[in-house]
Amino acid sequence: MSDIVLSGSTGDSAVDGVVGGLLGQLPLLPIEEWTRERMHAAYWLLVTVFNRPWGVTLPLGYPDAADEFFGYARRTVRLPTGVEVSSTRDLIRVTGWIATALLALQAHVYVARKKECHDSYSHYIGGPWATLLHDIYYRLRTQWGYLIPAGSAERGELRALGEQTVRFENHFLVIYREYLLAQLDADGPTAPGRALWVLEHLPFRDAGVRLAVQRIARHHEDAELRGAAERVQALR
């Protein structure tokens, strides 16, 4: 049986309390379904949240290589004074989603609350990315309160975390590519259908993925899947 962490996070502490209570009463998705949703969502978010170009290729670049923090700290928050300032909320959010997806895939663990992602990743997976996730959570959230630090040393540290983040994103994308190929080749309509929907809306430009989609378009017995694969093939 999989280890289970029952939690959920919306970014709103009041809502989180309600969500967490509800999750304790609801049946869990099968781990395969949970993994599918987490993996595709992490792929979607690391592109769309940081406004990366439509159509993903490996290796993935920074959201904005010319920016001091590489485009990872552009989401604004409103201070009690009413002033809007840049924040690191999206950096915490996206790395947390990636960690959640990898925990589901590699450790068969359910984790939905972002504050538990780094500890769970360290416990179940470990390695150098566990250190990065810990540093992102504790420095960006706990010590800097999601805000951009003023000191030059701290700003340099934030920039260094951005440099590591793009490598973590590419680490995830290499794993996601293999997962995507397996989903496209899976039996039944559910896994390949969901994968094709994702590719239709956010293409992964890769020769292996292209061949897998081609096989579905030419040979799959399900007409709806063949049609979806043809739409993906038509994208440029």
C-alpha atoms as a PDB file:
ATOM      1  CA  MET A   1       0.000   0.000   0.000  1.00  0.00           C
ATOM      2  CA  SER A   2       1.222   3.514  -0.793  1.00  0.00           C
ATOM      3  CA  ASP A   3       2.168   5.943   1.920  1.00  0.00           C
ATOM      4  CA  ILE A   4      -0.439   8.685   2.080  1.00  0.00           C
ATOM      5  CA  VAL A   5      -0.191  12.320   3.048  1.00  0.00           C
ATOM      6  CA  LEU A   6      -3.712  13.725   3.173  1.00  0.00           C
ATOM      7  CA  SER A   7      -3.470  17.415   2.478  1.00  0.00           C
ATOM      8  CA  GLY A   8      -4.282  20.123  -0.004  1.00  0.00           C
ATOM      9  CA  SER A   9      -3.202  23.657  -0.733  1.00  0.00           C
ATOM     10  CA  THR A  10      -4.894  26.449  -2.607  1.00  0.00           C
ATOM     11  CA  GLY A  11      -2.624  29.275  -1.489  1.00  0.00           C
ATOM     12  CA  ASP A  12      -5.327  30.569   0.870  1.00  0.00           C
ATOM     13  CA  SER A  13      -4.808  29.482   4.470  1.00  0.00           C
ATOM     14  CA  ALA A  14      -8.497  29.712   5.360  1.00  0.00           C
ATOM     15  CA  VAL A  15      -9.508  27.610   2.385  1.00  0.00           C
ATOM     16  CA  ASP A  16      -6.658  25.192   3.050  1.00  0.00           C
ATOM     17  CA  GLY A  17      -8.171  24.330   6.403  1.00  0.00           C
ATOM     18  CA  VAL A  18     -11.465  23.404   4.775  1.00  0.00           C
ATOM     19  CA  VAL A  19      -9.765  21.512   1.952  1.00  0.00           C
ATOM     20  CA  GLY A  20      -7.586  19.576   4.337  1.00  0.00           C
ATOM     21  CA  GLY A  21     -10.650  18.514   6.328  1.00  0.00           C
ATOM     22  CA  LEU A  22     -12.488  17.431   3.223  1.00  0.00           C
ATOM     23  CA  LEU A  23      -9.558  15.408   1.943  1.00  0.00           C
ATOM     24  CA  GLY A  24      -9.594  13.424   5.125  1.00  0.00           C
ATOM     25  CA  GLN A  25     -13.170  12.360   4.377  1.00  0.00           C
ATOM     26  CA  LEU A  26     -12.967  11.707   0.631  1.00  0.00           C
ATOM     27  CA  PRO A  27     -11.742   8.537  -1.064  1.00  0.00           C
ATOM     28  CA  LEU A  28      -8.344   8.937  -2.701  1.00  0.00           C
ATOM     29  CA  LEU A  29      -7.858   8.698  -6.427  1.00  0.00           C
ATOM     30  CA  PRO A  30      -6.033   5.530  -7.443  1.00  0.00           C
ATOM     31  CA  ILE A  31      -2.326   6.334  -7.424  1.00  0.00           C
ATOM     32  CA  GLU A  32      -2.123   5.870 -11.201  1.00  0.00           C
ATOM     33  CA  GLU A  33      -4.751   8.574 -11.746  1.00  0.00           C
ATOM     34  CA  TRP A  34      -3.189  10.866  -9.148  1.00  0.00           C
ATOM     35  CA  THR A  35       0.205  10.448 -10.797  1.00  0.00           C
ATOM     36  CA  ARG A  36      -1.226  11.173 -14.241  1.00  0.00           C
ATOM     37  CA  GLU A  37      -2.844  14.403 -13.108  1.00  0.00           C
ATOM     38  CA  ARG A  38       0.213  15.559 -11.117  1.00  0.00           C
ATOM     39  CA  MET A  39       2.671  14.812 -13.934  1.00  0.00           C
ATOM     40  CA  HIS A  40       0.679  16.577 -16.628  1.00  0.00           C
ATOM     41  CA  ALA A  41      -0.114  19.490 -14.310  1.00  0.00           C
ATOM     42  CA  ALA A  42       3.552  20.005 -13.395  1.00  0.00           C
ATOM     43  CA  TYR A  43       4.484  20.032 -17.096  1.00  0.00           C
ATOM     44  CA  TRP A  44       1.702  22.521 -17.813  1.00  0.00           C
ATOM     45  CA  LEU A  45       2.580  24.842 -14.943  1.00  0.00           C
ATOM     46  CA  LEU A  46       6.332  25.063 -15.482  1.00  0.00           C
ATOM     47  CA  VAL A  47       5.575  26.406 -18.956  1.00  0.00           C
ATOM     48  CA  THR A  48       2.474  28.533 -18.471  1.00  0.00           C
ATOM     49  CA  VAL A  49       3.151  30.072 -15.060  1.00  0.00           C
ATOM     50  CA  PHE A  50       6.462  31.515 -16.261  1.00  0.00           C
ATOM     51  CA  ASN A  51       5.113  32.508 -19.693  1.00  0.00           C
ATOM     52  CA  ARG A  52       7.534  30.303 -21.576  1.00  0.00           C
ATOM     53  CA  PRO A  53       7.128  29.925 -25.357  1.00  0.00           C
ATOM     54  CA  TRP A  54       4.403  27.599 -26.628  1.00  0.00           C
ATOM     55  CA  GLY A  55       5.977  24.290 -27.615  1.00  0.00           C
ATOM     56  CA  VAL A  56       8.505  22.646 -25.303  1.00  0.00           C
ATOM     57  CA  THR A  57      11.921  21.369 -26.363  1.00  0.00           C
ATOM     58  CA  LEU A  58      14.772  19.928 -24.334  1.00  0.00           C
ATOM     59  CA  PRO A  59      16.800  21.415 -22.808  1.00  0.00           C
ATOM     60  CA  LEU A  60      14.397  23.960 -21.352  1.00  0.00           C
ATOM     61  CA  GLY A  61      15.781  27.453 -20.931  1.00  0.00           C
ATOM     62  CA  TYR A  62      15.147  30.114 -18.316  1.00  0.00           C
ATOM     63  CA  PRO A  63      11.842  31.979 -18.480  1.00  0.00           C
ATOM     64  CA  ASP A  64      13.916  35.140 -19.061  1.00  0.00           C
ATOM     65  CA  ALA A  65      17.684  34.743 -19.179  1.00  0.00           C
ATOM     66  CA  ALA A  66      18.185  38.531 -19.157  1.00  0.00           C
ATOM     67  CA  ASP A  67      16.300  39.067 -15.899  1.00  0.00           C
ATOM     68  CA  GLU A  68      18.194  39.270 -12.594  1.00  0.00           C
ATOM     69  CA  PHE A  69      16.251  36.274 -11.294  1.00  0.00           C
ATOM     70  CA  PHE A  70      15.749  34.635 -14.704  1.00  0.00           C
ATOM     71  CA  GLY A  71      12.015  35.396 -14.802  1.00  0.00           C
ATOM     72  CA  TYR A  72      11.193  33.281 -11.742  1.00  0.00           C
ATOM     73  CA  ALA A  73      10.176  36.189  -9.494  1.00  0.00           C
ATOM     74  CA  ARG A  74       7.639  38.210 -11.447  1.00  0.00           C
ATOM     75  CA  ARG A  75       4.375  37.421  -9.723  1.00  0.00           C
ATOM     76  CA  THR A  76       3.284  40.458  -7.745  1.00  0.00           C
ATOM     77  CA  VAL A  77       1.772  40.606  -4.280  1.00  0.00           C
ATOM     78  CA  ARG A  78       0.124  43.503  -2.514  1.00  0.00           C
ATOM     79  CA  LEU A  79       1.749  44.685   0.713  1.00  0.00           C
ATOM     80  CA  PRO A  80      -0.351  45.912   3.667  1.00  0.00           C
ATOM     81  CA  THR A  81       0.513  49.429   2.485  1.00  0.00           C
ATOM     82  CA  GLY A  82      -1.253  48.744  -0.810  1.00  0.00           C
ATOM     83  CA  VAL A  83       1.960  48.726  -2.834  1.00  0.00           C
ATOM     84  CA  GLU A  84       2.417  45.868  -5.296  1.00  0.00           C
ATOM     85  CA  VAL A  85       5.862  44.239  -5.373  1.00  0.00           C
ATOM     86  CA  SER A  86       7.453  41.256  -7.082  1.00  0.00           C
ATOM     87  CA  SER A  87       7.452  37.961  -5.214  1.00  0.00           C
ATOM     88  CA  THR A  88       8.735  34.406  -5.370  1.00  0.00           C
ATOM     89  CA  ARG A  89       5.355  32.727  -4.905  1.00  0.00           C
ATOM     90  CA  ASP A  90       5.356  31.163  -8.372  1.00  0.00           C
ATOM     91  CA  LEU A  91       8.828  29.717  -7.898  1.00  0.00           C
ATOM     92  CA  ILE A  92       7.678  27.977  -4.728  1.00  0.00           C
ATOM     93  CA  ARG A  93       4.436  26.902  -6.395  1.00  0.00           C
ATOM     94  CA  VAL A  94       5.934  25.334  -9.511  1.00  0.00           C
ATOM     95  CA  THR A  95       8.830  23.543  -7.808  1.00  0.00           C
ATOM     96  CA  GLY A  96       6.325  22.202  -5.285  1.00  0.00           C
ATOM     97  CA  TRP A  97       4.110  20.836  -8.070  1.00  0.00           C
ATOM     98  CA  ILE A  98       7.099  19.166  -9.698  1.00  0.00           C
ATOM     99  CA  ALA A  99       8.065  17.588  -6.373  1.00  0.00           C
ATOM    100  CA  THR A 100       4.497  16.367  -5.889  1.00  0.00           C
ATOM    101  CA  ALA A 101       4.499  14.789  -9.341  1.00  0.00           C
ATOM    102  CA  LEU A 102       7.817  13.020  -8.797  1.00  0.00           C
ATOM    103  CA  LEU A 103       6.709  11.763  -5.393  1.00  0.00           C
ATOM    104  CA  ALA A 104       3.620  10.249  -6.978  1.00  0.00           C
ATOM    105  CA  LEU A 105       5.551   8.679  -9.847  1.00  0.00           C
ATOM    106  CA  GLN A 106       8.661   7.455  -8.069  1.00  0.00           C
ATOM    107  CA  ALA A 107       7.497   6.837  -4.504  1.00  0.00           C
ATOM    108  CA  HIS A 108       3.725   6.305  -4.964  1.00  0.00           C
ATOM    109  CA  VAL A 109       3.063   8.943  -2.333  1.00  0.00           C
ATOM    110  CA  TYR A 110       0.114  11.328  -2.225  1.00  0.00           C
ATOM    111  CA  VAL A 111       1.174  14.860  -1.250  1.00  0.00           C
ATOM    112  CA  ALA A 112      -0.955  17.895  -2.064  1.00  0.00           C
ATOM    113  CA  ARG A 113       0.034  20.506   0.530  1.00  0.00           C
ATOM    114  CA  LYS A 114       2.988  22.558  -0.690  1.00  0.00           C
ATOM    115  CA  LYS A 115       4.496  22.961   2.776  1.00  0.00           C
ATOM    116  CA  GLU A 116       4.969  19.173   2.942  1.00  0.00           C
ATOM    117  CA  CYS A 117       6.539  18.712  -0.503  1.00  0.00           C
ATOM    118  CA  HIS A 118      10.153  19.388   0.430  1.00  0.00           C
ATOM    119  CA  ASP A 119      10.160  17.197   3.553  1.00  0.00           C
ATOM    120  CA  SER A 120       8.382  14.357   1.752  1.00  0.00           C
ATOM    121  CA  TYR A 121      10.760  14.609  -1.188  1.00  0.00           C
ATOM    122  CA  SER A 122      13.748  14.453   1.134  1.00  0.00           C
ATOM    123  CA  HIS A 123      12.307  11.449   2.965  1.00  0.00           C
ATOM    124  CA  TYR A 124      11.142   9.379  -0.004  1.00  0.00           C
ATOM    125  CA  ILE A 125      13.490  10.394  -2.840  1.00  0.00           C
ATOM    126  CA  GLY A 126      16.390  12.434  -1.460  1.00  0.00           C
ATOM    127  CA  GLY A 127      19.410  13.508  -3.476  1.00  0.00           C
ATOM    128  CA  PRO A 128      20.575  17.007  -4.440  1.00  0.00           C
ATOM    129  CA  TRP A 129      17.135  18.203  -5.527  1.00  0.00           C
ATOM    130  CA  ALA A 130      15.880  17.633  -1.992  1.00  0.00           C
ATOM    131  CA  THR A 131      18.354  20.272  -0.821  1.00  0.00           C
ATOM    132  CA  LEU A 132      17.160  22.694  -3.481  1.00  0.00           C
ATOM    133  CA  LEU A 133      13.505  22.199  -2.512  1.00  0.00           C
ATOM    134  CA  HIS A 134      14.348  22.716   1.149  1.00  0.00           C
ATOM    135  CA  ASP A 135      16.277  25.909   0.394  1.00  0.00           C
ATOM    136  CA  ILE A 136      13.520  27.293  -1.839  1.00  0.00           C
ATOM    137  CA  TYR A 137      10.842  26.705   0.775  1.00  0.00           C
ATOM    138  CA  TYR A 138      12.705  27.905   3.843  1.00  0.00           C
ATOM    139  CA  ARG A 139      14.545  30.838   2.339  1.00  0.00           C
ATOM    140  CA  LEU A 140      11.822  32.134   0.029  1.00  0.00           C
ATOM    141  CA  ARG A 141       8.816  31.506   2.251  1.00  0.00           C
ATOM    142  CA  THR A 142       9.937  31.251   5.856  1.00  0.00           C
ATOM    143  CA  GLN A 143      12.826  33.729   5.917  1.00  0.00           C
ATOM    144  CA  TRP A 144      11.994  36.172   3.118  1.00  0.00           C
ATOM    145  CA  GLY A 145       8.197  35.916   3.275  1.00  0.00           C
ATOM    146  CA  TYR A 146       7.881  35.447  -0.508  1.00  0.00           C
ATOM    147  CA  LEU A 147       9.429  38.883  -1.121  1.00  0.00           C
ATOM    148  CA  ILE A 148      12.571  39.795  -3.053  1.00  0.00           C
ATOM    149  CA  PRO A 149      15.375  40.448  -0.525  1.00  0.00           C
ATOM    150  CA  ALA A 150      17.057  43.841  -0.556  1.00  0.00           C
ATOM    151  CA  GLY A 151      20.612  42.807   0.363  1.00  0.00           C
ATOM    152  CA  SER A 152      23.077  41.989  -2.395  1.00  0.00           C
ATOM    153  CA  ALA A 153      24.149  38.697  -0.793  1.00  0.00           C
ATOM    154  CA  GLU A 154      20.560  37.504  -0.466  1.00  0.00           C
ATOM    155  CA  ARG A 155      19.755  38.605  -4.010  1.00  0.00           C
ATOM    156  CA  GLY A 156      22.755  36.619  -5.183  1.00  0.00           C
ATOM    157  CA  GLU A 157      21.420  33.612  -3.306  1.00  0.00           C
ATOM    158  CA  LEU A 158      18.025  33.993  -4.956  1.00  0.00           C
ATOM    159  CA  ARG A 159      19.686  34.201  -8.358  1.00  0.00           C
ATOM    160  CA  ALA A 160      21.666  31.028  -7.570  1.00  0.00           C
ATOM    161  CA  LEU A 161      18.420  29.246  -6.661  1.00  0.00           C
ATOM    162  CA  GLY A 162      17.058  30.269 -10.048  1.00  0.00           C
ATOM    163  CA  GLU A 163      20.122  28.757 -11.732  1.00  0.00           C
ATOM    164  CA  GLN A 164      19.467  25.486  -9.926  1.00  0.00           C
ATOM    165  CA  THR A 165      15.737  25.616 -10.630  1.00  0.00           C
ATOM    166  CA  VAL A 166      16.120  25.416 -14.400  1.00  0.00           C
ATOM    167  CA  ARG A 167      18.253  22.305 -13.945  1.00  0.00           C
ATOM    168  CA  PHE A 168      15.574  20.814 -11.702  1.00  0.00           C
ATOM    169  CA  GLU A 169      12.939  21.613 -14.319  1.00  0.00           C
ATOM    170  CA  ASN A 170      15.016  19.852 -16.966  1.00  0.00           C
ATOM    171  CA  HIS A 171      15.499  16.894 -14.630  1.00  0.00           C
ATOM    172  CA  PHE A 172      11.725  16.682 -14.396  1.00  0.00           C
ATOM    173  CA  LEU A 173      11.197  17.082 -18.150  1.00  0.00           C
ATOM    174  CA  VAL A 174      13.531  14.184 -18.947  1.00  0.00           C
ATOM    175  CA  ILE A 175      11.439  12.000 -16.623  1.00  0.00           C
ATOM    176  CA  TYR A 176       8.199  13.474 -17.958  1.00  0.00           C
ATOM    177  CA  ARG A 177       9.208  12.640 -21.535  1.00  0.00           C
ATOM    178  CA  GLU A 178       9.566   8.955 -20.645  1.00  0.00           C
ATOM    179  CA  TYR A 179       6.300   9.055 -18.734  1.00  0.00           C
ATOM    180  CA  LEU A 180       4.558  10.737 -21.665  1.00  0.00           C
ATOM    181  CA  LEU A 181       5.793   8.073 -24.083  1.00  0.00           C
ATOM    182  CA  ALA A 182       4.521   5.328 -21.782  1.00  0.00           C
ATOM    183  CA  GLN A 183       1.142   7.049 -21.498  1.00  0.00           C
ATOM    184  CA  LEU A 184       0.830   7.376 -25.274  1.00  0.00           C
ATOM    185  CA  ASP A 185       1.581   3.675 -25.691  1.00  0.00           C
ATOM    186  CA  ALA A 186      -0.661   2.533 -22.815  1.00  0.00           C
ATOM    187  CA  ASP A 187      -3.645   0.252 -23.353  1.00  0.00           C
ATOM    188  CA  GLY A 188      -7.149   1.691 -23.312  1.00  0.00           C
ATOM    189  CA  PRO A 189      -8.294   5.221 -24.104  1.00  0.00           C
ATOM    190  CA  THR A 190      -7.700   7.029 -20.807  1.00  0.00           C
ATOM    191  CA  ALA A 191      -3.919   7.405 -20.596  1.00  0.00           C
ATOM    192  CA  PRO A 192      -3.253   8.124 -24.287  1.00  0.00           C
ATOM    193  CA  GLY A 193      -6.327  10.335 -24.487  1.00  0.00           C
ATOM    194  CA  ARG A 194      -5.184  12.547 -21.635  1.00  0.00           C
ATOM    195  CA  ALA A 195      -1.644  12.683 -23.028  1.00  0.00           C
ATOM    196  CA  LEU A 196      -2.928  13.725 -26.457  1.00  0.00           C
ATOM    197  CA  TRP A 197      -5.097  16.439 -24.909  1.00  0.00           C
ATOM    198  CA  VAL A 198      -2.048  17.876 -23.173  1.00  0.00           C
ATOM    199  CA  LEU A 199       0.029  17.716 -26.364  1.00  0.00           C
ATOM    200  CA  GLU A 200      -2.715  19.384 -28.376  1.00  0.00           C
ATOM    201  CA  HIS A 201      -2.730  22.342 -25.995  1.00  0.00           C
ATOM    202  CA  LEU A 202       0.973  22.441 -25.101  1.00  0.00           C
ATOM    203  CA  PRO A 203       3.167  20.497 -27.556  1.00  0.00           C
ATOM    204  CA  PHE A 204       6.296  18.661 -26.487  1.00  0.00           C
ATOM    205  CA  ARG A 205       8.534  18.882 -29.537  1.00  0.00           C
ATOM    206  CA  ASP A 206      10.464  15.616 -29.481  1.00  0.00           C
ATOM    207  CA  ALA A 207      11.131  12.955 -32.125  1.00  0.00           C
ATOM    208  CA  GLY A 208      10.091  10.077 -29.881  1.00  0.00           C
ATOM    209  CA  VAL A 209       6.854  11.784 -28.895  1.00  0.00           C
ATOM    210  CA  ARG A 210       6.162  12.563 -32.556  1.00  0.00           C
ATOM    211  CA  LEU A 211       6.563   8.890 -33.507  1.00  0.00           C
ATOM    212  CA  ALA A 212       4.291   7.742 -30.667  1.00  0.00           C
ATOM    213  CA  VAL A 213       1.586  10.166 -31.789  1.00  0.00           C
ATOM    214  CA  GLN A 214       2.038   8.989 -35.371  1.00  0.00           C
ATOM    215  CA  ARG A 215       1.456   5.366 -34.343  1.00  0.00           C
ATOM    216  CA  ILE A 216      -1.821   6.310 -32.693  1.00  0.00           C
ATOM    217  CA  ALA A 217      -2.953   8.332 -35.710  1.00  0.00           C
ATOM    218  CA  ARG A 218      -2.221   5.471 -38.090  1.00  0.00           C
ATOM    219  CA  HIS A 219      -2.995   2.333 -36.174  1.00  0.00           C
ATOM    220  CA  HIS A 220      -5.102   2.847 -33.035  1.00  0.00           C
ATOM    221  CA  GLU A 221      -8.462   1.108 -33.035  1.00  0.00           C
ATOM    222  CA  ASP A 222     -10.161   4.026 -31.234  1.00  0.00           C
ATOM    223  CA  ALA A 223     -11.371   6.586 -33.777  1.00  0.00           C
ATOM    224  CA  GLU A 224     -11.470   9.409 -31.229  1.00  0.00           C
ATOM    225  CA  LEU A 225      -7.842   8.810 -30.297  1.00  0.00           C
ATOM    226  CA  ARG A 226      -6.856   8.685 -33.965  1.00  0.00           C
ATOM    227  CA  GLY A 227      -8.585  12.027 -34.463  1.00  0.00           C
ATOM    228  CA  ALA A 228      -6.853  13.550 -31.432  1.00  0.00           C
ATOM    229  CA  ALA A 229      -3.490  12.297 -32.661  1.00  0.00           C
ATOM    230  CA  GLU A 230      -4.123  13.808 -36.091  1.00  0.00           C
ATOM    231  CA  ARG A 231      -4.858  17.175 -34.475  1.00  0.00           C
ATOM    232  CA  VAL A 232      -1.579  16.991 -32.565  1.00  0.00           C
ATOM    233  CA  GLN A 233       0.255  16.108 -35.781  1.00  0.00           C
ATOM    234  CA  ALA A 234      -1.263  19.142 -37.502  1.00  0.00           C
ATOM    235  CA  LEU A 235       0.266  21.551 -34.986  1.00  0.00           C
ATOM    236  CA  ARG A 236       3.280  23.537 -36.053  1.00  0.00           C
END
